[in-house]
C-alpha atoms as a PDB file:
ATOM      1  CA  MET A   1       9.220 -15.803  11.971  1.00  0.00           C
ATOM      2  CA  ILE A   2      11.622 -13.014  13.075  1.00  0.00           C
ATOM      3  CA  LEU A   3      12.289 -10.322  10.265  1.00  0.00           C
ATOM      4  CA  SER A   4      15.530  -8.141  10.535  1.00  0.00           C
ATOM      5  CA  THR A   5      14.677  -4.542   9.463  1.00  0.00           C
ATOM      6  CA  THR A   6      16.745  -1.293   9.274  1.00  0.00           C
ATOM      7  CA  ARG A   7      14.047   0.749  10.887  1.00  0.00           C
ATOM      8  CA  PHE A   8      12.292  -1.436  13.394  1.00  0.00           C
ATOM      9  CA  GLY A   9      14.975  -3.855  14.367  1.00  0.00           C
ATOM     10  CA  ARG A  10      13.869  -7.517  14.832  1.00  0.00           C
ATOM     11  CA  LEU A  11      10.174  -7.698  13.936  1.00  0.00           C
ATOM     12  CA  PRO A  12       7.979 -10.682  14.656  1.00  0.00           C
ATOM     13  CA  VAL A  13       6.073 -11.513  11.548  1.00  0.00           C
ATOM     14  CA  ASP A  14       3.136 -13.835  10.753  1.00  0.00           C
ATOM     15  CA  GLU A  15       4.033 -15.101   7.357  1.00  0.00           C
ATOM     16  CA  THR A  16       0.311 -15.846   6.565  1.00  0.00           C
ATOM     17  CA  GLN A  17      -0.288 -12.011   6.689  1.00  0.00           C
ATOM     18  CA  SER A  18       2.322 -11.351   4.035  1.00  0.00           C
ATOM     19  CA  ILE A  19       1.388  -9.923   0.782  1.00  0.00           C
ATOM     20  CA  GLU A  20       2.909 -10.645  -2.648  1.00  0.00           C
ATOM     21  CA  PHE A  21       3.410  -8.562  -5.645  1.00  0.00           C
ATOM     22  CA  PRO A  22       3.806 -10.974  -8.672  1.00  0.00           C
ATOM     23  CA  GLU A  23       5.635  -8.323 -10.597  1.00  0.00           C
ATOM     24  CA  GLY A  24       7.295  -6.360  -7.742  1.00  0.00           C
ATOM     25  CA  LEU A  25       6.718  -2.737  -7.271  1.00  0.00           C
ATOM     26  CA  PRO A  26       7.730  -0.139 -10.004  1.00  0.00           C
ATOM     27  CA  GLY A  27      11.433   0.753  -9.140  1.00  0.00           C
ATOM     28  CA  PHE A  28      11.515  -2.448  -6.792  1.00  0.00           C
ATOM     29  CA  GLU A  29      10.651  -5.372  -9.142  1.00  0.00           C
ATOM     30  CA  ASP A  30      13.129  -7.610  -7.065  1.00  0.00           C
ATOM     31  CA  CYS A  31      10.932  -7.015  -3.877  1.00  0.00           C
ATOM     32  CA  ARG A  32       7.933  -9.078  -4.090  1.00  0.00           C
ATOM     33  CA  ARG A  33       6.959 -10.051  -0.519  1.00  0.00           C
ATOM     34  CA  PHE A  34       5.929  -7.481   2.072  1.00  0.00           C
ATOM     35  CA  VAL A  35       4.311  -7.663   5.392  1.00  0.00           C
ATOM     36  CA  PRO A  36       1.825  -4.837   6.497  1.00  0.00           C
ATOM     37  CA  PHE A  37       1.890  -3.854  10.164  1.00  0.00           C
ATOM     38  CA  GLU A  38       0.773  -0.966  12.344  1.00  0.00           C
ATOM     39  CA  HIS A  39       3.123   0.684  14.899  1.00  0.00           C
ATOM     40  CA  ALA A  40       1.423   1.512  18.128  1.00  0.00           C
ATOM     41  CA  GLU A  41       2.943   4.929  18.242  1.00  0.00           C
ATOM     42  CA  CYS A  42       1.536   5.790  14.754  1.00  0.00           C
ATOM     43  CA  ALA A  43      -2.093   4.645  14.763  1.00  0.00           C
ATOM     44  CA  GLY A  44      -3.710   4.492  11.418  1.00  0.00           C
ATOM     45  CA  LEU A  45      -0.606   4.209   9.392  1.00  0.00           C
ATOM     46  CA  ILE A  46       0.340   1.069   7.701  1.00  0.00           C
ATOM     47  CA  PHE A  47       4.009   0.137   7.224  1.00  0.00           C
ATOM     48  CA  LEU A  48       4.696  -2.187   4.240  1.00  0.00           C
ATOM     49  CA  GLN A  49       7.962  -3.808   5.189  1.00  0.00           C
ATOM     50  CA  SER A  50       9.752  -5.637   2.508  1.00  0.00           C
ATOM     51  CA  MET A  51      10.570  -9.280   3.412  1.00  0.00           C
ATOM     52  CA  ASP A  52      13.409  -9.264   0.819  1.00  0.00           C
ATOM     53  CA  ARG A  53      15.201  -6.027   1.739  1.00  0.00           C
ATOM     54  CA  PRO A  54      15.467  -5.041   5.459  1.00  0.00           C
ATOM     55  CA  ASP A  55      16.094  -1.356   4.557  1.00  0.00           C
ATOM     56  CA  LEU A  56      12.886  -0.972   2.304  1.00  0.00           C
ATOM     57  CA  CYS A  57       9.605  -0.084   4.016  1.00  0.00           C
ATOM     58  CA  PHE A  58       6.796   2.129   2.620  1.00  0.00           C
ATOM     59  CA  LEU A  59       4.468   4.254   4.667  1.00  0.00           C
ATOM     60  CA  THR A  60       0.964   3.944   3.517  1.00  0.00           C
ATOM     61  CA  LEU A  61      -2.733   4.956   4.635  1.00  0.00           C
ATOM     62  CA  PRO A  62      -5.850   3.340   3.466  1.00  0.00           C
ATOM     63  CA  VAL A  63      -7.282   5.296   0.596  1.00  0.00           C
ATOM     64  CA  ARG A  64     -10.799   5.895   2.258  1.00  0.00           C
ATOM     65  CA  SER A  65      -9.139   7.365   5.374  1.00  0.00           C
ATOM     66  CA  LEU A  66      -7.950   9.954   2.960  1.00  0.00           C
ATOM     67  CA  ARG A  67     -10.853  10.280   0.518  1.00  0.00           C
ATOM     68  CA  PRO A  68     -13.973   8.634   1.943  1.00  0.00           C
ATOM     69  CA  ASP A  69     -15.525   8.642  -1.612  1.00  0.00           C
ATOM     70  CA  TYR A  70     -12.377   7.188  -3.260  1.00  0.00           C
ATOM     71  CA  ARG A  71     -13.310   5.359  -6.352  1.00  0.00           C
ATOM     72  CA  LEU A  72     -11.001   2.398  -7.396  1.00  0.00           C
ATOM     73  CA  LEU A  73     -10.381   1.838 -11.046  1.00  0.00           C
ATOM     74  CA  LEU A  74      -8.143  -1.188 -12.237  1.00  0.00           C
ATOM     75  CA  SER A  75      -6.799  -1.797 -15.553  1.00  0.00           C
ATOM     76  CA  PRO A  76      -7.495  -5.214 -17.184  1.00  0.00           C
ATOM     77  CA  GLU A  77      -3.933  -6.279 -16.553  1.00  0.00           C
ATOM     78  CA  ASP A  78      -3.996  -5.465 -12.890  1.00  0.00           C
ATOM     79  CA  SER A  79      -7.337  -7.197 -12.517  1.00  0.00           C
ATOM     80  CA  GLU A  80      -5.721 -10.352 -14.155  1.00  0.00           C
ATOM     81  CA  LEU A  81      -2.673 -10.121 -11.764  1.00  0.00           C
ATOM     82  CA  LEU A  82      -5.031  -9.964  -8.740  1.00  0.00           C
ATOM     83  CA  GLY A  83      -7.051 -12.989 -10.360  1.00  0.00           C
ATOM     84  CA  LEU A  84     -10.293 -10.918 -10.503  1.00  0.00           C
ATOM     85  CA  GLU A  85     -12.846 -11.156 -13.017  1.00  0.00           C
ATOM     86  CA  GLY A  86     -12.132  -8.686 -15.901  1.00  0.00           C
ATOM     87  CA  GLY A  87     -14.507  -5.729 -16.553  1.00  0.00           C
ATOM     88  CA  ARG A  88     -15.683  -5.360 -12.722  1.00  0.00           C
ATOM     89  CA  THR A  89     -14.498  -3.066 -10.108  1.00  0.00           C
ATOM     90  CA  PRO A  90     -13.811  -4.690  -6.815  1.00  0.00           C
ATOM     91  CA  GLN A  91     -15.154  -3.299  -3.520  1.00  0.00           C
ATOM     92  CA  ILE A  92     -12.638  -1.777  -1.330  1.00  0.00           C
ATOM     93  CA  GLY A  93     -12.928  -3.461   2.092  1.00  0.00           C
ATOM     94  CA  ALA A  94     -14.817  -6.621   1.179  1.00  0.00           C
ATOM     95  CA  GLU A  95     -12.719  -7.924  -1.710  1.00  0.00           C
ATOM     96  CA  VAL A  96      -9.675  -5.741  -1.744  1.00  0.00           C
ATOM     97  CA  ALA A  97      -7.706  -3.334   0.517  1.00  0.00           C
ATOM     98  CA  ALA A  98      -6.276  -0.078  -1.116  1.00  0.00           C
ATOM     99  CA  MET A  99      -3.610   1.915   0.331  1.00  0.00           C
ATOM    100  CA  ALA A 100      -1.925   5.149  -0.740  1.00  0.00           C
ATOM    101  CA  ILE A 101       1.740   5.352  -0.441  1.00  0.00           C
ATOM    102  CA  LEU A 102       2.811   8.460   1.499  1.00  0.00           C
ATOM    103  CA  SER A 103       5.579  10.738   0.602  1.00  0.00           C
ATOM    104  CA  VAL A 104       7.334  12.548   3.655  1.00  0.00           C
ATOM    105  CA  ARG A 105      10.092  14.960   2.586  1.00  0.00           C
ATOM    106  CA  GLU A 106      11.873  17.341   5.073  1.00  0.00           C
ATOM    107  CA  GLY A 107      10.582  20.804   4.605  1.00  0.00           C
ATOM    108  CA  HIS A 108       7.442  19.807   2.620  1.00  0.00           C
ATOM    109  CA  PRO A 109       4.041  18.771   3.630  1.00  0.00           C
ATOM    110  CA  PRO A 110       3.338  15.066   3.344  1.00  0.00           C
ATOM    111  CA  THR A 111       1.393  13.841   0.257  1.00  0.00           C
ATOM    112  CA  ALA A 112      -0.438  10.718  -0.752  1.00  0.00           C
ATOM    113  CA  ASN A 113      -0.171   8.847  -4.173  1.00  0.00           C
ATOM    114  CA  LEU A 114      -3.897   8.298  -4.938  1.00  0.00           C
ATOM    115  CA  LEU A 115      -3.174   7.872  -8.724  1.00  0.00           C
ATOM    116  CA  SER A 116      -1.411   4.489  -7.953  1.00  0.00           C
ATOM    117  CA  PRO A 117      -2.653   2.926  -4.853  1.00  0.00           C
ATOM    118  CA  ILE A 118      -1.466  -0.488  -3.597  1.00  0.00           C
ATOM    119  CA  VAL A 119      -4.385  -2.977  -4.108  1.00  0.00           C
ATOM    120  CA  VAL A 120      -4.369  -6.189  -2.125  1.00  0.00           C
ATOM    121  CA  ARG A 121      -6.859  -8.889  -2.875  1.00  0.00           C
ATOM    122  CA  VAL A 122      -7.919  -9.884   0.596  1.00  0.00           C
ATOM    123  CA  ALA A 123      -8.575 -13.688  -0.133  1.00  0.00           C
ATOM    124  CA  THR A 124      -5.299 -14.277  -1.594  1.00  0.00           C
ATOM    125  CA  GLY A 125      -2.710 -11.699  -0.446  1.00  0.00           C
ATOM    126  CA  ARG A 126      -1.735 -10.790  -3.982  1.00  0.00           C
ATOM    127  CA  ALA A 127      -1.028  -7.277  -4.672  1.00  0.00           C
ATOM    128  CA  VAL A 128      -0.314  -4.679  -7.412  1.00  0.00           C
ATOM    129  CA  GLN A 129       0.542  -0.902  -7.534  1.00  0.00           C
ATOM    130  CA  ALA A 130      -2.487  -0.115  -9.707  1.00  0.00           C
ATOM    131  CA  VAL A 131      -1.764   2.922 -11.889  1.00  0.00           C
ATOM    132  CA  ARG A 132      -5.203   4.417 -12.632  1.00  0.00           C
ATOM    133  CA  PRO A 133      -5.856   4.824 -16.401  1.00  0.00           C
ATOM    134  CA  ASP A 134      -7.550   8.174 -15.773  1.00  0.00           C
ATOM    135  CA  LYS A 135      -6.457  11.321 -13.936  1.00  0.00           C
ATOM    136  CA  ARG A 136      -9.175  11.546 -11.405  1.00  0.00           C
ATOM    137  CA  TYR A 137      -6.484  11.772  -8.529  1.00  0.00           C
ATOM    138  CA  GLY A 138      -2.854  12.724  -8.419  1.00  0.00           C
ATOM    139  CA  CYS A 139       0.378  11.202  -7.290  1.00  0.00           C
ATOM    140  CA  ARG A 140       1.089  14.074  -4.727  1.00  0.00           C
ATOM    141  CA  GLU A 141      -2.376  14.572  -3.098  1.00  0.00           C
ATOM    142  CA  PRO A 142      -2.051  16.943   0.185  1.00  0.00           C
ATOM    143  CA  LEU A 143      -2.832  15.560   3.495  1.00  0.00           C
ATOM    144  CA  ALA A 144      -4.022  17.297   6.587  1.00  0.00           C
ATOM    145  CA  PRO A 145      -1.127  17.302   9.222  1.00  0.00           C
ATOM    146  CA  GLU A 146      -3.193  15.583  11.826  1.00  0.00           C
ATOM    147  CA  GLU A 147      -3.853  12.651   9.531  1.00  0.00           C
ATOM    148  CA  THR A 148      -0.200  11.579   9.590  1.00  0.00           C
ATOM    149  CA  ALA A 149       0.970  12.602  13.097  1.00  0.00           C
ATOM    150  CA  CYS A 150       2.648  10.063  15.366  1.00  0.00           C
ATOM    151  CA  SER A 151       2.592  10.432  19.069  1.00  0.00           C
END
């Protein structure tokens, strides 16, 4: 399929790689289907392009590339939305992918939202933005400049 986007033009997309947010994302509840992809000039970054809105694309990084010791914590509601057994924390990498949405504002250093990562169940492609019930991480965690540099 070819997806028309505002930032990347016409983008070839493998629909089997798309992810679905059953309840959308906070503030974007009407956008439920996204396709993750990497851009050759920005190695390591993962773009989450909306399949519903050509102008909506989130810039993300795997949480473990930011904090190798990152500990995932899901609420029972988020576990249920992902179709996971309650009371058990899934393994990042094996069962789920976890990505931090980046905030890049002119005149400010980039930050990552580690408080509310995007969590995708690998087996199904179902996803949630999982707001942690604790305060272990923040929503504006600083990044090192080389971690987000594009060539």
